[in-house]
Protein backbone atom coordinates (compact mmCIF):
# COMPACT_ATOMS: atom_id res chain seq x y z
CA UNK A 1 -21.72 64.85 22.35
CA UNK A 2 -25.16 64.45 23.99
CA UNK A 3 -24.69 60.68 24.19
CA UNK A 4 -21.58 60.83 26.37
CA UNK A 5 -22.14 58.57 29.40
CA UNK A 6 -21.82 60.01 32.90
CA UNK A 7 -19.91 56.94 34.06
CA UNK A 8 -18.38 53.82 32.53
CA UNK A 9 -17.59 50.28 33.58
CA UNK A 10 -14.03 49.08 32.97
CA UNK A 11 -13.33 45.37 32.73
CA UNK A 12 -9.61 44.93 33.40
CA UNK A 13 -8.08 42.15 31.30
CA UNK A 14 -4.36 42.84 31.73
CA UNK A 15 -3.43 39.71 33.71
CA UNK A 16 -5.09 37.43 31.17
CA UNK A 17 -4.20 39.47 28.07
CA UNK A 18 -0.62 40.05 29.11
CA UNK A 19 0.43 36.73 30.53
CA UNK A 20 -1.05 34.75 27.65
CA UNK A 21 1.01 36.82 25.21
CA UNK A 22 4.40 37.34 26.85
CA UNK A 23 7.05 35.03 25.41
CA UNK A 24 9.19 34.41 28.45
CA UNK A 25 8.07 32.53 31.57
CA UNK A 26 6.67 34.74 34.32
CA UNK A 27 6.64 33.52 37.91
CA UNK A 28 3.19 32.71 39.29
CA UNK A 29 3.88 34.86 42.36
CA UNK A 30 4.44 37.92 40.17
CA UNK A 31 1.19 37.34 38.30
CA UNK A 32 -0.59 37.20 41.64
CA UNK A 33 1.23 40.40 42.70
CA UNK A 34 -0.26 42.25 39.74
CA UNK A 35 -3.78 40.95 40.38
CA UNK A 36 -3.53 42.09 44.01
CA UNK A 37 -2.25 45.53 42.97
CA UNK A 38 -5.13 45.94 40.53
CA UNK A 39 -7.55 44.90 43.27
CA UNK A 40 -6.58 48.04 45.21
CA UNK A 41 -7.33 50.51 42.41
CA UNK A 42 -11.13 50.64 42.52
CA UNK A 43 -11.56 48.43 39.45
CA UNK A 44 -14.72 46.37 39.85
CA UNK A 45 -13.89 43.53 37.45
CA UNK A 46 -10.55 41.83 36.80
CA UNK A 47 -10.01 38.93 34.41
CA UNK A 48 -7.19 37.01 36.02
CA UNK A 49 -6.49 34.17 33.56
CA UNK A 50 -7.80 31.95 30.78
CA UNK A 51 -8.49 28.24 31.05
CA UNK A 52 -6.98 27.05 27.79
CA UNK A 53 -4.64 24.18 26.85
CA UNK A 54 -1.06 24.97 27.98
CA UNK A 55 0.29 23.52 24.72
CA UNK A 56 -1.55 26.30 22.86
CA UNK A 57 -0.99 29.10 25.38
CA UNK A 58 1.99 28.25 27.65
CA UNK A 59 1.59 31.45 29.64
CA UNK A 60 -1.67 30.13 31.09
CA UNK A 61 -0.22 26.81 32.33
CA UNK A 62 -0.44 28.06 35.93
CA UNK A 63 -3.97 29.50 35.67
CA UNK A 64 -5.32 27.37 38.52
CA UNK A 65 -2.44 28.42 40.80
CA UNK A 66 -3.00 32.10 40.02
CA UNK A 67 -6.69 31.78 40.93
CA UNK A 68 -5.82 30.07 44.23
CA UNK A 69 -3.14 32.63 45.08
CA UNK A 70 -4.60 36.12 44.77
CA UNK A 71 -6.24 37.94 47.68
CA UNK A 72 -9.86 38.81 46.83
CA UNK A 73 -10.89 42.40 47.58
CA UNK A 74 -14.43 43.28 48.66
CA UNK A 75 -16.62 44.47 45.81
CA UNK A 76 -14.33 43.18 43.04
CA UNK A 77 -15.55 40.56 40.57
CA UNK A 78 -12.82 38.18 39.41
CA UNK A 79 -13.39 36.39 36.12
CA UNK A 80 -11.62 34.11 33.66
CA UNK A 81 -11.84 33.30 29.98
CA UNK A 82 -12.68 29.89 28.53
CA UNK A 83 -13.35 28.74 24.97
CA UNK A 84 -14.87 25.30 25.44
CA UNK A 85 -16.60 22.96 27.87
CA UNK A 86 -13.38 21.82 29.54
CA UNK A 87 -12.36 25.40 30.23
CA UNK A 88 -15.78 26.12 31.72
CA UNK A 89 -15.45 23.10 34.01
CA UNK A 90 -12.14 24.47 35.31
CA UNK A 91 -13.73 27.87 35.91
CA UNK A 92 -16.64 26.31 37.79
CA UNK A 93 -14.20 24.40 39.98
CA UNK A 94 -12.44 27.67 40.95
CA UNK A 95 -14.62 28.94 43.78
CA UNK A 96 -13.02 32.40 43.82
CA UNK A 97 -14.25 33.30 40.35
CA UNK A 98 -17.59 34.70 39.31
CA UNK A 99 -18.69 32.56 36.39
CA UNK A 100 -20.94 34.34 33.91
CA UNK A 101 -21.92 32.82 30.61
CA UNK A 102 -21.59 34.42 27.20
CA UNK A 103 -22.70 33.42 23.73
CA UNK A 104 -19.76 34.24 21.48
CA UNK A 105 -19.51 34.04 17.70
CA UNK A 106 -16.70 35.11 15.36
CA UNK A 107 -16.98 37.15 12.17
CA UNK A 108 -13.94 35.57 10.47
CA UNK A 109 -14.01 31.85 9.80
CA UNK A 110 -10.28 31.79 9.01
CA UNK A 111 -9.43 33.31 12.38
CA UNK A 112 -11.94 31.03 14.11
CA UNK A 113 -10.21 27.97 12.67
CA UNK A 114 -6.83 29.19 13.94
CA UNK A 115 -8.15 30.31 17.32
CA UNK A 116 -10.57 27.49 18.17
CA UNK A 117 -10.26 24.99 15.30
CA UNK A 118 -13.91 25.48 14.37
CA UNK A 119 -16.00 26.48 11.39
CA UNK A 120 -18.72 29.11 11.72
CA UNK A 121 -21.35 26.36 11.66
CA UNK A 122 -19.37 24.30 14.11
CA UNK A 123 -19.08 27.27 16.42
CA UNK A 124 -22.86 27.65 16.61
CA UNK A 125 -23.12 23.97 17.52
CA UNK A 126 -20.41 24.47 20.16
CA UNK A 127 -22.33 27.41 21.61
CA UNK A 128 -25.39 25.18 21.99
CA UNK A 129 -23.34 22.65 23.95
CA UNK A 130 -21.87 25.26 26.25
CA UNK A 131 -25.28 26.92 26.78
CA UNK A 132 -26.57 23.54 27.93
CA UNK A 133 -23.67 23.38 30.39
CA UNK A 134 -24.51 26.87 31.61
CA UNK A 135 -28.08 25.84 32.27
CA UNK A 136 -27.06 22.60 33.99
CA UNK A 137 -24.79 24.56 36.34
CA UNK A 138 -27.11 27.55 36.89
CA UNK A 139 -24.64 29.92 35.23
CA UNK A 140 -26.31 33.23 34.29
CA UNK A 141 -26.10 34.14 30.60
CA UNK A 142 -26.77 37.78 29.78
CA UNK A 143 -23.90 38.64 27.44
CA UNK A 144 -23.30 38.08 23.75
CA UNK A 145 -20.32 38.96 21.60
CA UNK A 146 -18.83 38.92 18.13
CA UNK A 147 -15.06 38.56 17.77
CA UNK A 148 -13.15 40.08 14.83
CA UNK A 149 -16.09 42.43 14.39
CA UNK A 150 -14.15 45.15 12.56
CA UNK A 151 -11.65 43.27 10.43
CA UNK A 152 -9.35 40.29 10.12
CA UNK A 153 -5.68 39.88 9.26
CA UNK A 154 -6.64 36.89 7.10
CA UNK A 155 -9.93 38.01 5.49
CA UNK A 156 -9.71 41.80 5.51
CA UNK A 157 -12.60 44.16 6.30
CA UNK A 158 -15.68 42.63 7.90
CA UNK A 159 -18.99 43.96 6.53
CA UNK A 160 -21.30 45.54 9.08
CA UNK A 161 -24.10 43.37 7.71
CA UNK A 162 -22.19 40.21 8.68
CA UNK A 163 -21.77 41.41 12.26
CA UNK A 164 -25.46 42.27 12.47
CA UNK A 165 -26.40 38.82 11.16
CA UNK A 166 -24.11 37.14 13.69
CA UNK A 167 -25.54 39.30 16.47
CA UNK A 168 -28.98 38.11 15.41
CA UNK A 169 -27.69 34.52 15.53
CA UNK A 170 -26.63 35.16 19.14
CA UNK A 171 -30.04 36.58 20.00
CA UNK A 172 -31.77 33.62 18.33
CA UNK A 173 -29.60 31.12 20.23
CA UNK A 174 -30.44 32.89 23.49
CA UNK A 175 -34.15 32.83 22.72
CA UNK A 176 -33.94 29.13 21.84
CA UNK A 177 -32.85 28.43 25.42
CA UNK A 178 -35.09 30.98 27.14
CA UNK A 179 -32.23 33.40 27.80
CA UNK A 180 -32.15 37.19 27.47
CA UNK A 181 -29.03 38.97 26.26
CA UNK A 182 -28.61 42.36 27.95
CA UNK A 183 -25.01 43.29 27.06
CA UNK A 184 -23.38 42.82 23.66
CA UNK A 185 -19.64 43.13 23.11
CA UNK A 186 -18.03 44.06 19.81
CA UNK A 187 -14.43 42.87 19.77
CA UNK A 188 -11.75 44.45 17.58
CA UNK A 189 -9.67 41.31 17.99
CA UNK A 190 -7.05 42.19 15.36
CA UNK A 191 -7.09 46.00 15.61
CA UNK A 192 -8.82 46.91 12.36
CA UNK A 193 -11.15 49.45 13.94
CA UNK A 194 -10.95 53.19 13.33
CA UNK A 195 -13.12 55.85 14.97
CA UNK A 196 -15.33 56.02 11.88
CA UNK A 197 -15.74 52.24 11.81
CA UNK A 198 -16.61 52.20 15.51
CA UNK A 199 -19.33 54.79 15.00
CA UNK A 200 -20.74 52.96 11.96
CA UNK A 201 -20.93 49.57 13.66
CA UNK A 202 -22.11 50.84 17.04
CA UNK A 203 -24.72 52.97 15.28
CA UNK A 204 -25.92 50.01 13.23
CA UNK A 205 -26.12 47.82 16.33
CA UNK A 206 -28.08 50.45 18.23
CA UNK A 207 -30.52 50.79 15.32
CA UNK A 208 -30.99 47.01 15.05
CA UNK A 209 -30.97 46.16 18.77
CA UNK A 210 -31.95 49.35 20.62
CA UNK A 211 -32.43 47.69 24.03
CA UNK A 212 -28.93 46.19 24.18
CA UNK A 213 -26.19 47.75 26.28
CA UNK A 214 -23.06 47.75 24.13
CA UNK A 215 -19.46 47.04 25.15
CA UNK A 216 -16.20 47.47 23.24
CA UNK A 217 -13.08 45.30 23.30
CA UNK A 218 -10.44 47.38 21.49
CA UNK A 219 -6.87 46.41 20.62
CA UNK A 220 -4.18 49.01 20.07
CA UNK A 221 -1.85 47.48 17.47
CA UNK A 222 -2.18 50.48 15.16
CA UNK A 223 -2.40 53.10 17.91
CA UNK A 224 -6.14 53.59 17.49
CA UNK A 225 -7.23 52.14 20.84
CA UNK A 226 -7.86 55.36 22.77
CA UNK A 227 -9.28 57.14 19.69
CA UNK A 228 -11.67 54.25 19.15
CA UNK A 229 -12.68 54.33 22.80
CA UNK A 230 -13.43 58.05 22.45
CA UNK A 231 -15.59 57.31 19.41
CA UNK A 232 -17.41 54.68 21.43
CA UNK A 233 -18.00 57.16 24.25
CA UNK A 234 -19.48 59.62 21.77
CA UNK A 235 -21.90 56.87 20.71
CA UNK A 236 -22.93 56.22 24.31
CA UNK A 237 -20.93 53.03 24.93
CA UNK A 238 -20.32 52.68 28.67
CA UNK A 239 -18.53 49.31 29.03
CA UNK A 240 -14.92 48.87 27.93
CA UNK A 241 -12.42 46.05 28.23
CA UNK A 242 -8.92 47.39 28.90
CA UNK A 243 -5.46 46.23 29.84
CA UNK A 244 -3.18 47.81 32.44
CA UNK A 245 -0.11 49.41 30.81
CA UNK A 246 -1.35 48.09 27.45
CA UNK A 247 -0.30 44.53 28.31
CA UNK A 248 -0.98 41.71 25.93
CA UNK A 249 -2.13 40.84 22.45
CA UNK A 250 -3.71 37.94 20.59
CA UNK A 251 -1.39 34.96 20.06
CA UNK A 252 -3.44 33.81 17.05
CA UNK A 253 -3.67 37.12 15.17
CA UNK A 254 -0.65 36.53 12.88
CA UNK A 255 0.80 39.96 13.62
CA UNK A 256 4.23 40.18 15.26
CA UNK A 257 3.43 43.47 16.96
CA UNK A 258 -0.14 42.66 18.00
CA UNK A 259 -0.87 44.86 21.01
CA UNK A 260 -3.11 44.43 24.01
CA UNK A 261 -6.40 46.10 24.74
CA UNK A 262 -6.71 49.85 25.05
CA UNK A 263 -4.53 50.89 27.97
CA UNK A 264 -6.47 51.04 31.26
CA UNK A 265 -4.76 54.05 32.84
CA UNK A 266 -4.89 56.01 29.56
CA UNK A 267 -8.63 55.31 29.33
CA UNK A 268 -9.19 56.31 32.96
CA UNK A 269 -7.16 59.49 32.46
CA UNK A 270 -9.15 60.49 29.37
CA UNK A 271 -12.47 59.87 31.12
CA UNK A 272 -11.35 61.74 34.23
CA UNK A 273 -10.48 64.79 32.12
CA UNK A 274 -13.88 64.52 30.35
CA UNK A 275 -15.80 64.38 33.61
CA UNK A 276 -16.81 60.73 33.10
CA UNK A 277 -16.67 58.71 36.31
CA UNK A 278 -14.75 55.40 36.28
CA UNK A 279 -14.58 54.72 40.01
CA UNK A 280 -10.84 54.06 39.62
CA UNK A 281 -7.99 55.65 41.57
CA UNK A 282 -5.73 56.75 38.72
CA UNK A 283 -2.61 57.11 40.86
CA UNK A 284 -2.91 53.53 42.13
CA UNK A 285 -3.60 52.31 38.60
CA UNK A 286 -0.44 54.07 37.37
CA UNK A 287 1.49 52.29 40.12
CA UNK A 288 0.02 48.98 38.94
CA UNK A 289 1.03 49.79 35.36
CA UNK A 290 4.62 50.41 36.43
CA UNK A 291 4.53 47.13 38.34
CA UNK A 292 3.31 45.34 35.20
CA UNK A 293 6.25 46.75 33.26
CA UNK A 294 8.65 45.57 35.96
CA UNK A 295 7.11 42.08 35.91
CA UNK A 296 7.46 41.57 32.16
CA UNK A 297 10.91 43.18 32.09
CA UNK A 298 10.49 45.39 29.03
CA UNK A 299 8.77 48.67 28.11
CA UNK A 300 4.99 48.60 27.77
CA UNK A 301 3.00 51.00 25.58
CA UNK A 302 1.03 52.90 28.24
CA UNK A 303 1.51 56.67 28.08
CA UNK A 304 -0.03 58.05 31.28
CA UNK A 305 2.19 55.89 33.49
CA UNK A 306 5.10 57.93 32.10
CA UNK A 307 3.51 61.35 31.74
CA UNK A 308 1.46 61.17 34.94
CA UNK A 309 -1.97 62.65 35.49
CA UNK A 310 -2.76 66.32 34.92
CA UNK A 311 -4.50 66.34 38.28
CA UNK A 312 -1.18 65.65 39.99
CA UNK A 313 0.59 68.24 37.86
CA UNK A 314 -2.07 70.86 38.59
CA UNK A 315 -1.57 70.17 42.30
CA UNK A 316 2.19 70.76 42.01
CA UNK A 317 1.59 74.01 40.12
CA UNK A 318 -0.86 75.27 42.72
CA UNK A 319 1.52 74.35 45.53
CA UNK A 320 4.35 76.25 43.86
CA UNK A 321 2.24 79.36 43.10
């Protein structure tokens, strides 16, 4: 337990994760309403959309309108996702977004072909092209990542050695262009991670790349999201992607019940009870989670938005005593 961080950084991805995955059309104004609610919670980073072809992800057809419509809050970094040069160009044109580069590889070629229509070799070539665009546009690049780092619905378990090799590929690509990777994200894109697997891979990454700050992107399809986050905390991980109310999922994961990232308010609640600072107002985040559920019009998997925080319950007990 000595490696538990004193504080963590939460990257909120609910608006992008959720609205790319929901089947029915959601009004642009309601998407903006959720972004604005999240902006009032103390979250420091919110991913508001993805710049991807509407024919592939219809829920992101209004991405540009969402970016134009939300009200920026002081001290909050608003980001977007892109997978190719055209998406990056759209992000650069959106003046309200903070554009940060990332070198991203994928551990499953089958998933990569479905998700981006690329081979592993082709993806490395694509990363070179996008790095050149980053440099031409003075976009900082300090982050690397491997998607499907724990397992794949098409290929099965992913060996730790493959992830380490791909991480080295990322580091080599960065060095080739005079860049320095400082943060490395391990993405459980299809929810194959378990606490033991998280500890094994994070431990191996820390042994191989001891200077890197590690981040986790954890999906909750099999109910392991919060347990995996706890395992990451025990290994000293202090950056987590999460999704308000558990919104979202991966539209290319070939799993009908694919769930979103680990639930934001559940993660904040757990950290609050462990004495780990998140900088987030849990009550406001619970309100945002309930709003998210109202927007999509069906139950979402978050637990704390129903049970409430223990802090609030303790206050009621003290008041009644």
